[in-house]
Protein backbone atom coordinates (compact mmCIF):
# COMPACT_ATOMS: atom_id res chain seq x y z
CA MET A 1 -24.87 -1.19 -27.12
CA GLU A 2 -28.18 -2.53 -25.84
CA TYR A 3 -28.20 -3.06 -21.93
CA ASP A 4 -31.09 -3.93 -19.53
CA VAL A 5 -31.40 -3.24 -15.39
CA GLU A 6 -33.16 -5.54 -13.28
CA GLU A 7 -33.91 -5.30 -9.75
CA LEU A 8 -33.43 -8.28 -7.94
CA GLU A 9 -33.10 -7.16 -4.13
CA GLU A 10 -32.74 -3.04 -2.64
CA LEU A 11 -29.22 -3.32 -3.40
CA LYS A 12 -29.00 -5.88 -5.96
CA ARG A 13 -29.14 -5.94 -9.81
CA LYS A 14 -28.89 -7.87 -12.97
CA LEU A 15 -27.22 -5.79 -15.42
CA THR A 16 -27.87 -7.82 -19.20
CA ILE A 17 -25.69 -6.68 -21.54
CA ILE A 18 -25.61 -7.32 -25.71
CA ILE A 19 -22.86 -6.56 -27.54
CA PRO A 20 -23.39 -6.04 -31.30
CA GLU A 21 -22.68 -8.69 -33.85
CA GLU A 22 -20.38 -6.49 -35.69
CA VAL A 23 -18.05 -5.85 -32.78
CA VAL A 24 -18.20 -9.80 -32.40
CA SER A 25 -17.31 -10.57 -35.75
CA GLN A 26 -14.55 -7.84 -35.74
CA ARG A 27 -13.22 -9.21 -32.51
CA ILE A 28 -12.98 -13.04 -33.64
CA ASN A 29 -11.68 -12.00 -37.32
CA ALA A 30 -8.67 -9.98 -35.88
CA ALA A 31 -7.82 -12.46 -33.22
CA TYR A 32 -7.81 -14.94 -36.17
CA LYS A 33 -5.47 -12.70 -37.94
CA GLN A 34 -3.32 -13.20 -35.06
CA LEU A 35 -3.21 -16.24 -34.81
CA ASN A 36 -2.42 -16.46 -37.99
CA ARG A 37 0.99 -14.71 -37.92
CA GLU A 38 1.98 -17.27 -35.07
CA MET A 39 0.45 -20.69 -36.12
CA LYS A 40 2.30 -23.20 -38.45
CA ILE A 41 0.30 -25.98 -40.27
CA PRO A 42 2.10 -28.20 -42.73
CA GLY A 43 1.10 -27.20 -46.36
CA PHE A 44 0.97 -23.36 -45.62
CA ARG A 45 3.04 -20.33 -45.59
CA PRO A 46 2.97 -18.50 -42.24
CA GLY A 47 0.28 -16.10 -42.54
CA LYS A 48 -1.34 -17.53 -45.61
CA ILE A 49 -3.37 -20.15 -43.73
CA PRO A 50 -7.36 -20.06 -44.66
CA GLN A 51 -9.54 -18.47 -41.79
CA LYS A 52 -11.47 -21.44 -42.18
CA VAL A 53 -9.20 -23.71 -41.60
CA LEU A 54 -8.51 -22.49 -38.34
CA GLU A 55 -11.06 -22.07 -36.92
CA LYS A 56 -11.50 -26.35 -37.24
CA GLN A 57 -8.18 -26.35 -36.00
CA VAL A 58 -8.93 -23.33 -32.94
CA PRO A 59 -12.69 -23.23 -31.97
CA MET A 60 -13.41 -19.81 -31.30
CA GLN A 61 -14.54 -20.79 -28.08
CA SER A 62 -10.80 -20.75 -27.11
CA PHE A 63 -10.09 -17.04 -27.14
CA GLY A 64 -11.42 -16.79 -23.66
CA ASP A 65 -8.92 -13.75 -22.87
CA MET A 66 -10.26 -11.97 -25.73
CA PHE A 67 -13.78 -12.28 -25.01
CA GLN A 68 -13.26 -11.32 -21.68
CA GLU A 69 -11.42 -8.12 -22.20
CA LEU A 70 -14.42 -7.24 -24.69
CA MET A 71 -16.66 -8.22 -22.00
CA GLN A 72 -15.51 -5.91 -19.20
CA GLU A 73 -15.01 -3.38 -21.70
CA TYR A 74 -18.91 -3.38 -22.74
CA TYR A 75 -19.58 -3.88 -18.45
CA GLU A 76 -17.93 -0.25 -17.94
CA GLU A 77 -19.45 1.26 -20.61
CA ALA A 78 -22.68 -0.05 -19.29
CA LEU A 79 -21.69 1.00 -15.83
CA ASN A 80 -21.15 4.80 -16.88
CA LYS A 81 -24.29 4.70 -19.06
CA SER A 82 -26.81 3.14 -16.35
CA GLY A 83 -25.24 5.33 -13.40
CA LEU A 84 -24.81 1.93 -11.20
CA ARG A 85 -22.06 2.45 -8.46
CA PRO A 86 -20.99 -1.81 -7.83
CA THR A 87 -19.66 -2.71 -4.32
CA GLY A 88 -17.83 -5.99 -4.51
CA GLN A 89 -17.01 -8.43 -7.37
CA PRO A 90 -19.91 -8.98 -10.03
CA GLU A 91 -20.80 -12.51 -10.82
CA ILE A 92 -20.29 -12.91 -14.61
CA ASP A 93 -22.91 -15.37 -16.72
CA HIS A 94 -19.96 -16.57 -19.27
CA SER A 95 -22.86 -19.60 -20.35
CA GLY A 96 -22.79 -17.57 -23.52
CA LEU A 97 -19.47 -18.34 -24.54
CA LYS A 98 -20.24 -22.02 -24.52
CA ASP A 99 -22.39 -21.40 -28.60
CA ILE A 100 -21.15 -18.35 -29.47
CA LYS A 101 -21.31 -17.69 -32.95
CA LYS A 102 -19.49 -15.32 -35.32
CA GLU A 103 -22.53 -13.41 -36.76
CA GLU A 104 -24.78 -13.08 -33.82
CA PRO A 105 -24.92 -10.96 -30.74
CA LEU A 106 -22.56 -11.81 -27.91
CA LYS A 107 -25.55 -11.66 -24.82
CA PHE A 108 -24.09 -11.42 -20.96
CA SER A 109 -25.58 -10.85 -17.82
CA VAL A 110 -23.90 -9.34 -14.48
CA ILE A 111 -25.36 -9.58 -11.33
CA LEU A 112 -23.88 -6.74 -8.87
CA ASP A 113 -24.51 -5.44 -5.19
CA ILE A 114 -24.91 -1.74 -5.75
CA LYS A 115 -23.88 1.46 -2.78
CA PRO A 116 -26.58 2.98 -1.48
CA GLU A 117 -27.22 6.67 -2.13
CA ILE A 118 -25.93 8.54 0.66
CA GLN A 119 -25.74 12.55 1.18
CA ILE A 120 -23.63 13.34 3.98
CA LYS A 121 -23.81 16.86 5.17
CA ASN A 122 -21.84 19.48 7.25
CA TYR A 123 -18.32 18.04 7.09
CA LYS A 124 -16.60 21.04 6.54
CA GLY A 125 -15.64 23.40 8.87
CA LEU A 126 -16.48 21.37 11.93
CA LYS A 127 -15.55 22.72 15.12
CA PHE A 128 -13.58 20.61 17.77
CA LYS A 129 -11.18 21.38 20.93
CA LYS A 130 -7.53 20.19 20.64
CA LYS A 131 -5.31 19.85 22.90
CA GLU A 132 -2.09 21.34 22.48
CA ALA A 133 1.05 19.43 22.87
CA VAL A 134 2.98 19.98 26.12
CA VAL A 135 6.02 18.30 26.82
CA THR A 136 6.84 17.68 30.38
CA ASP A 137 10.06 17.62 32.30
CA LYS A 138 8.74 13.88 33.42
CA GLU A 139 8.90 13.11 29.91
CA MET A 140 11.70 14.55 28.31
CA GLU A 141 13.51 13.16 31.65
CA GLU A 142 12.22 9.44 30.61
CA THR A 143 13.00 10.07 26.93
CA LEU A 144 16.88 11.07 27.84
CA GLU A 145 17.04 8.26 29.97
CA LYS A 146 16.38 5.54 27.13
CA VAL A 147 18.86 7.07 25.18
CA LEU A 148 21.30 6.70 27.81
CA ALA A 149 20.68 3.28 28.41
CA ARG A 150 22.23 2.37 24.85
CA HIS A 151 25.65 3.67 26.38
CA GLY A 152 25.16 2.41 29.57
CA SER A 153 26.90 -0.38 30.86
CA LEU A 154 25.70 -3.02 33.20
CA ASP A 155 26.92 -4.22 36.42
CA VAL A 156 25.69 -7.85 37.82
CA MET A 157 24.87 -7.33 41.46
CA PRO A 158 26.20 -9.47 44.36
CA ALA A 159 23.39 -12.03 46.13
CA ASP A 160 22.53 -9.95 49.30
CA HIS A 161 21.09 -7.60 46.86
CA VAL A 162 17.30 -7.28 46.57
CA VAL A 163 15.46 -6.30 43.76
CA ALA A 164 14.58 -2.71 43.06
CA LEU A 165 12.67 -0.34 40.79
CA TRP A 166 14.76 -0.20 37.06
CA ASP A 167 16.79 -3.58 38.09
CA ILE A 168 17.28 -5.73 35.15
CA VAL A 169 15.97 -9.06 36.36
CA LYS A 170 17.04 -12.51 33.90
CA MET A 171 14.72 -15.55 35.54
CA ASP A 172 12.73 -18.15 35.13
CA PHE A 173 8.87 -18.56 34.67
CA GLN A 174 5.77 -20.76 34.83
CA GLY A 175 2.17 -18.96 34.47
CA PHE A 176 -0.51 -21.55 36.08
CA VAL A 177 -4.31 -20.87 36.34
CA ASP A 178 -6.32 -23.27 38.63
CA GLY A 179 -3.21 -25.00 38.96
CA GLU A 180 -3.02 -26.15 35.34
CA PRO A 181 -0.08 -24.41 33.13
CA MET A 182 -0.32 -21.78 30.85
CA GLU A 183 -0.02 -21.70 27.14
CA ASN A 184 3.29 -19.68 25.77
CA GLU A 185 3.45 -18.24 29.40
CA LYS A 186 6.63 -19.86 30.35
CA ALA A 187 10.27 -18.69 29.80
CA ALA A 188 13.65 -19.92 30.78
CA ASP A 189 16.62 -17.06 31.35
CA PHE A 190 13.88 -14.49 30.21
CA GLU A 191 15.44 -10.52 30.78
CA LEU A 192 12.97 -8.17 32.39
CA ARG A 193 13.66 -4.72 33.25
CA VAL A 194 11.41 -3.76 36.16
CA GLY A 195 9.49 -0.41 35.85
CA GLU A 196 8.91 -0.81 32.00
CA LYS A 197 5.26 -2.34 32.43
CA LYS A 198 6.21 -4.83 29.60
CA MET A 199 4.21 -7.65 31.83
CA LEU A 200 0.51 -7.95 33.04
CA ASP A 201 -0.24 -5.63 35.35
CA GLY A 202 1.43 -5.93 39.22
CA PHE A 203 4.03 -8.66 37.82
CA GLU A 204 6.44 -6.24 38.02
CA ASN A 205 5.78 -4.90 41.38
CA GLN A 206 5.64 -8.24 42.82
CA LEU A 207 9.66 -8.45 41.91
CA ILE A 208 10.76 -6.01 44.07
CA GLY A 209 12.25 -7.14 47.21
CA ASN A 210 13.21 -10.81 46.36
CA LYS A 211 16.92 -11.90 45.53
CA ALA A 212 19.19 -14.31 42.67
CA GLY A 213 18.52 -17.58 43.99
CA GLU A 214 15.09 -17.59 45.59
CA ASP A 215 11.61 -19.39 44.41
CA PHE A 216 8.74 -17.64 45.42
CA GLU A 217 5.33 -17.01 43.51
CA ILE A 218 3.27 -13.91 42.39
CA LYS A 219 -0.74 -13.67 41.61
CA VAL A 220 -1.61 -11.17 38.90
CA ILE A 221 -5.25 -10.31 37.43
CA LEU A 222 -5.43 -11.54 33.70
CA PRO A 223 -6.93 -9.31 31.60
CA PRO A 224 -10.05 -9.38 29.27
CA ASN A 225 -9.62 -12.35 26.54
CA TRP A 226 -6.36 -13.13 28.23
CA ASN A 227 -6.60 -16.38 26.54
CA GLN A 228 -6.61 -15.08 23.03
CA LYS A 229 -3.06 -14.56 23.76
CA VAL A 230 -3.36 -11.42 21.42
CA GLN A 231 -5.61 -8.39 21.43
CA ARG A 232 -7.68 -8.73 18.55
CA ILE A 233 -8.41 -5.51 17.34
CA SER A 234 -8.18 -1.88 19.17
CA PHE A 235 -11.82 -1.16 20.28
CA PRO A 236 -13.97 -3.52 22.20
CA VAL A 237 -15.29 -7.06 20.75
CA PRO A 238 -19.81 -6.49 21.21
CA GLY A 239 -21.45 -9.09 22.28
CA ALA A 240 -18.50 -9.69 24.88
CA GLU A 241 -20.12 -10.67 28.37
CA GLU A 242 -20.09 -8.31 30.38
CA GLY A 243 -19.34 -8.83 34.56
CA GLN A 244 -17.52 -11.48 34.99
CA GLU A 245 -15.38 -12.42 37.71
CA ASP A 246 -11.67 -11.99 36.97
CA ASP A 247 -9.41 -14.41 36.11
CA ARG A 248 -6.69 -15.06 38.42
CA ALA A 249 -2.77 -16.28 37.22
CA THR A 250 -0.01 -17.70 39.78
CA PHE A 251 3.20 -17.49 38.25
CA LYS A 252 5.94 -19.27 39.77
CA ILE A 253 9.74 -17.57 39.46
CA ASN A 254 13.14 -18.14 40.03
CA ILE A 255 15.63 -14.83 39.49
CA LYS A 256 18.95 -16.04 38.56
CA GLU A 257 20.45 -13.22 38.07
CA ILE A 258 20.14 -9.35 38.88
CA LYS A 259 21.99 -6.18 37.15
CA GLN A 260 21.64 -2.91 37.66
CA LEU A 261 22.17 -0.36 34.37
CA THR A 262 24.72 2.54 35.57
CA LEU A 263 24.07 5.37 32.87
CA PRO A 264 26.34 8.00 31.78
CA ASP A 265 26.25 11.71 32.18
CA LEU A 266 24.31 13.38 28.62
CA THR A 267 27.22 14.70 27.26
CA ASP A 268 28.04 16.34 23.74
CA GLU A 269 30.03 12.58 22.37
CA ILE A 270 26.80 11.31 23.26
CA ALA A 271 24.39 13.35 21.82
CA SER A 272 27.58 12.88 18.86
CA ARG A 273 27.03 9.07 19.11
CA GLU A 274 23.35 10.15 18.43
CA GLY A 275 23.81 11.73 15.27
CA PHE A 276 23.67 15.21 16.94
CA GLU A 277 26.41 17.94 17.68
CA THR A 278 25.64 19.20 20.95
CA VAL A 279 23.28 17.74 23.95
CA ASP A 280 21.15 21.03 23.42
CA GLU A 281 20.39 19.84 19.70
CA LEU A 282 19.46 16.57 21.03
CA LYS A 283 17.09 17.75 23.35
CA ARG A 284 15.36 20.04 21.09
CA ALA A 285 14.83 16.73 18.81
CA VAL A 286 13.16 14.61 21.54
CA LYS A 287 10.93 17.38 22.42
CA ILE A 288 9.87 17.68 18.75
CA ASP A 289 9.54 14.33 18.51
CA LEU A 290 7.36 13.42 21.79
CA GLN A 291 5.21 16.81 20.54
CA SER A 292 4.82 15.51 17.37
CA HIS A 293 3.83 12.01 19.03
CA LYS A 294 1.32 13.63 21.45
CA ASP A 295 -0.01 16.11 17.50
CA GLN A 296 -0.56 12.61 15.77
CA GLN A 297 -2.65 11.06 18.86
CA GLU A 298 -4.77 14.36 19.09
CA GLU A 299 -5.45 14.03 15.70
CA LEU A 300 -5.98 10.08 15.31
CA LYS A 301 -8.78 11.04 18.31
CA ILE A 302 -10.20 13.79 16.48
CA LYS A 303 -10.47 11.96 13.26
CA GLU A 304 -12.01 8.95 15.38
CA ASP A 305 -15.05 11.77 16.20
CA ILE A 306 -14.78 12.40 12.71
CA PHE A 307 -15.64 9.20 11.88
CA ASN A 308 -18.37 8.38 14.43
CA MET A 309 -19.96 11.38 13.11
CA LEU A 310 -20.18 10.24 9.95
CA VAL A 311 -21.19 6.50 10.80
CA LYS A 312 -24.53 8.05 12.29
CA GLN A 313 -25.54 10.27 8.91
CA ALA A 314 -24.99 7.21 7.10
CA ASP A 315 -28.06 4.75 8.33
CA ALA A 316 -28.15 2.84 5.30
CA LEU A 317 -27.37 -1.09 5.70
CA PRO A 318 -24.61 -1.69 3.75
CA PRO A 319 -24.25 -4.19 0.92
CA GLU A 320 -24.03 -7.72 2.46
CA SER A 321 -20.99 -8.50 0.04
CA ILE A 322 -19.07 -5.18 1.61
CA ILE A 323 -20.03 -6.25 5.38
CA GLU A 324 -18.73 -9.94 4.36
CA ARG A 325 -15.24 -8.44 2.26
CA GLU A 326 -14.98 -5.90 5.82
CA LEU A 327 -15.09 -9.36 7.78
CA LYS A 328 -12.69 -11.27 6.24
CA PHE A 329 -10.02 -8.42 5.89
CA MET A 330 -10.49 -8.42 9.54
CA ILE A 331 -9.94 -11.68 10.46
CA GLU A 332 -7.17 -11.65 8.03
CA GLY A 333 -5.68 -8.68 9.72
CA MET A 334 -5.52 -10.69 13.26
CA LYS A 335 -4.47 -14.53 11.52
CA PHE A 336 -1.12 -11.76 10.40
CA GLN A 337 -0.61 -10.53 13.91
CA ILE A 338 -0.55 -14.20 15.42
CA ALA A 339 2.07 -15.41 12.83
CA GLN A 340 4.10 -12.10 13.20
CA SER A 341 3.77 -12.82 16.92
CA GLY A 342 5.57 -16.41 15.96
CA MET A 343 2.58 -17.96 17.54
CA LYS A 344 0.40 -21.07 15.37
CA ILE A 345 -3.36 -19.74 15.45
CA GLU A 346 -4.55 -22.87 16.46
CA ASP A 347 -2.01 -22.39 19.74
CA SER A 348 -3.49 -18.47 19.69
CA GLY A 349 -6.38 -18.91 21.19
CA PHE A 350 -8.17 -16.89 18.25
CA GLU A 351 -11.57 -18.47 16.56
CA PRO A 352 -11.96 -17.50 13.30
CA GLU A 353 -15.39 -18.66 12.85
CA LYS A 354 -16.66 -17.10 16.50
CA ALA A 355 -15.02 -13.60 15.34
CA GLN A 356 -17.26 -13.93 12.44
CA LYS A 357 -20.06 -13.54 14.79
CA GLU A 358 -18.36 -11.34 17.04
CA TRP A 359 -17.40 -8.88 15.29
CA ARG A 360 -20.37 -8.35 12.36
CA GLU A 361 -21.79 -5.00 13.91
CA LYS A 362 -18.06 -3.64 13.96
CA ALA A 363 -18.27 -4.45 10.80
CA ILE A 364 -20.91 -2.85 9.49
CA PHE A 365 -20.06 0.13 11.30
CA ASN A 366 -16.85 0.34 9.56
CA THR A 367 -18.34 0.08 6.02
CA LYS A 368 -20.96 2.43 7.27
CA GLY A 369 -18.09 4.79 7.82
CA TYR A 370 -16.37 3.89 4.59
CA MET A 371 -19.67 4.67 2.37
CA ALA A 372 -19.75 8.05 4.00
CA LEU A 373 -16.27 9.10 3.35
CA GLU A 374 -16.47 7.31 -0.21
CA SER A 375 -20.08 9.53 -0.73
CA ILE A 376 -17.78 12.43 0.28
CA ALA A 377 -14.79 11.88 -2.05
CA GLN A 378 -17.38 11.99 -5.54
CA ALA A 379 -18.64 14.86 -4.13
CA GLU A 380 -15.51 17.03 -3.53
CA ASN A 381 -13.92 14.82 -6.83
CA ILE A 382 -11.22 13.50 -4.52
CA HIS A 383 -9.58 10.14 -6.65
CA ILE A 384 -6.69 7.93 -5.84
CA THR A 385 -3.46 8.77 -8.05
CA GLN A 386 -0.76 6.10 -9.16
CA GLN A 387 1.43 7.87 -6.62
CA ASP A 388 -0.98 7.17 -3.85
CA MET A 389 -0.83 3.27 -4.62
CA GLU A 390 3.37 3.42 -5.09
CA ALA A 391 3.78 4.84 -1.65
CA GLU A 392 1.27 1.79 -0.23
CA TYR A 393 3.06 -0.60 -2.11
CA GLU A 394 6.38 0.90 -0.30
CA LEU A 395 4.62 1.06 2.78
CA LEU A 396 3.18 -2.66 2.43
CA ALA A 397 6.68 -3.81 1.53
CA GLN A 398 8.40 -2.23 4.59
CA GLN A 399 6.11 -4.04 7.09
CA THR A 400 5.93 -7.14 5.54
CA LYS A 401 10.09 -6.90 4.56
CA GLN A 402 8.82 -8.11 1.09
CA LYS A 403 10.35 -6.58 -2.42
CA VAL A 404 7.63 -3.76 -4.13
CA GLU A 405 7.05 -5.78 -6.88
CA ASP A 406 6.14 -8.64 -5.43
CA ILE A 407 3.84 -6.77 -2.94
CA GLN A 408 2.12 -4.31 -6.21
CA LYS A 409 1.83 -8.20 -8.23
CA ARG A 410 -0.54 -9.96 -5.26
CA LEU A 411 -2.14 -7.29 -5.37
CA MET A 412 -3.39 -6.18 -8.87
CA SER A 413 -3.62 -10.40 -9.27
CA ASN A 414 -6.25 -10.61 -6.37
CA PRO A 415 -9.59 -7.53 -7.03
CA GLU A 416 -10.52 -7.98 -3.50
CA SER A 417 -7.36 -7.49 -2.04
CA LEU A 418 -7.36 -4.53 -4.29
CA SER A 419 -10.48 -2.86 -3.80
CA GLN A 420 -9.43 -3.55 -0.05
CA THR A 421 -6.73 -0.99 -0.44
CA THR A 422 -7.93 1.52 -2.88
CA THR A 423 -11.08 1.39 -0.20
CA LYS A 424 -8.72 2.25 2.78
CA LEU A 425 -6.70 4.60 1.08
CA LEU A 426 -9.61 6.66 -0.45
CA GLY A 427 -11.24 6.85 2.99
CA GLN A 428 -7.54 8.15 4.75
CA LYS A 429 -7.38 10.90 1.44
CA THR A 430 -11.06 11.12 2.54
CA MET A 431 -10.54 12.26 5.93
CA ASN A 432 -7.71 14.28 5.94
CA PHE A 433 -9.24 16.84 3.35
CA ILE A 434 -11.89 16.07 6.48
CA PHE A 435 -9.58 17.10 9.00
CA SER A 436 -7.98 19.88 6.73
CA SER A 437 -11.09 22.26 6.91
CA CYS A 438 -12.04 21.48 10.87
CA GLU A 439 -11.66 24.87 13.19
CA PHE A 440 -9.97 24.25 16.22
CA GLU A 441 -10.07 25.78 19.85
CA PHE A 442 -6.78 25.05 21.31
CA TYR A 443 -6.50 24.41 25.12
CA LYS A 444 -3.28 23.17 27.27
CA GLU A 445 -3.89 20.22 29.67
CA GLU A 446 -2.79 21.20 33.19
CA PRO A 447 0.55 19.08 33.92
CA ALA A 448 0.45 17.57 37.32
CA LYS A 449 2.40 19.52 40.22
CA ASP A 450 5.22 16.88 40.23
CA GLU A 451 5.08 17.63 36.31
CA PRO A 452 6.37 21.09 35.34
CA VAL A 453 5.89 22.13 31.89
CA LYS A 454 9.52 21.70 29.92
CA GLU A 455 10.18 25.01 28.08
């Protein structure tokens, strides 16, 4: 095969490929032979139709899939020989297929973005301080209380009872800002356990001391970006204005009913309902689960530090196609979160066009990290296996409540989504490799005086 590489921009190349005429002829003849076995023309026996007759009936340009496969085959061979590392989907020039001839070579070109060369050093044996998972009495008590709550009884309180911490309140409420009703901040017969901190900061505390049947108002400070209804992403949005005055909301409240939850004693019978033989077994399982959660949080924190370190080393600007793909992925992810919450995009306050600008710096940051991880994966011979992909199909199916086969088909039919998925998986696998080679100095966080350690 023949190929030529032309540099268009710093990270953009034009790859021109020539497929030899004998290969083109061979593939065309094979396609007509297959067609001969399948096609029926009056006056000819099956499989005995002269190829010239077939060529008049079915022009060579009709074998689009065959030519696509042939071009893909030679494109991949040219990549291997040239050493180019493309990113994103290439732009293939198909104009050569319009006037293709059997006795002539097939020439086509591909425009592609390439990944910059990144050399990451000193990623093995990184030293970090790692906090040991210490479970306190208070954490154990709070978790066991949640277990007991599943087996408790609810009692409606008398009319003179005032709301206290941990009471369950049924109420109607409506939020207002500057006298105008807030969208999606209205509810009827809404139930809330005071103290679980599921509402805006300060909301639940102001319910305490009020009685059922009373109408009253509470005032709260709204969090930043409150009018977008859902948190965009788990990091600060670049470009957000600082130093703005806090927005305040007034909520009109009507408490309709107050209940108290009576918890049973923690017995072997309760433990049995939870799948354990004894109370001690249940407590051990709760402690292990709390420790595991703390270990995971500490691991995520360290991995975030590693990612930030890799970004600093990856000083090359990513190709525009990767940045745009990451932006699209972030925005589509937010749309999915909004849909899962039951809201419509237009009611959520989320503006994709605005996010396209605001999130660009974060997209660049992310893609630098991905490129650094990919560079390490290449150096360490880390690859995505079929098992990795199957595990991802299972996970996505659980998250979206779809069939595994449907998830697999959708990903395989969308090269952009497939590329984003494999990039994510390779990054996770490489990060786990780096983390496993780290050296940790363990320390214990001193518990508060009112929080003795649970031994």
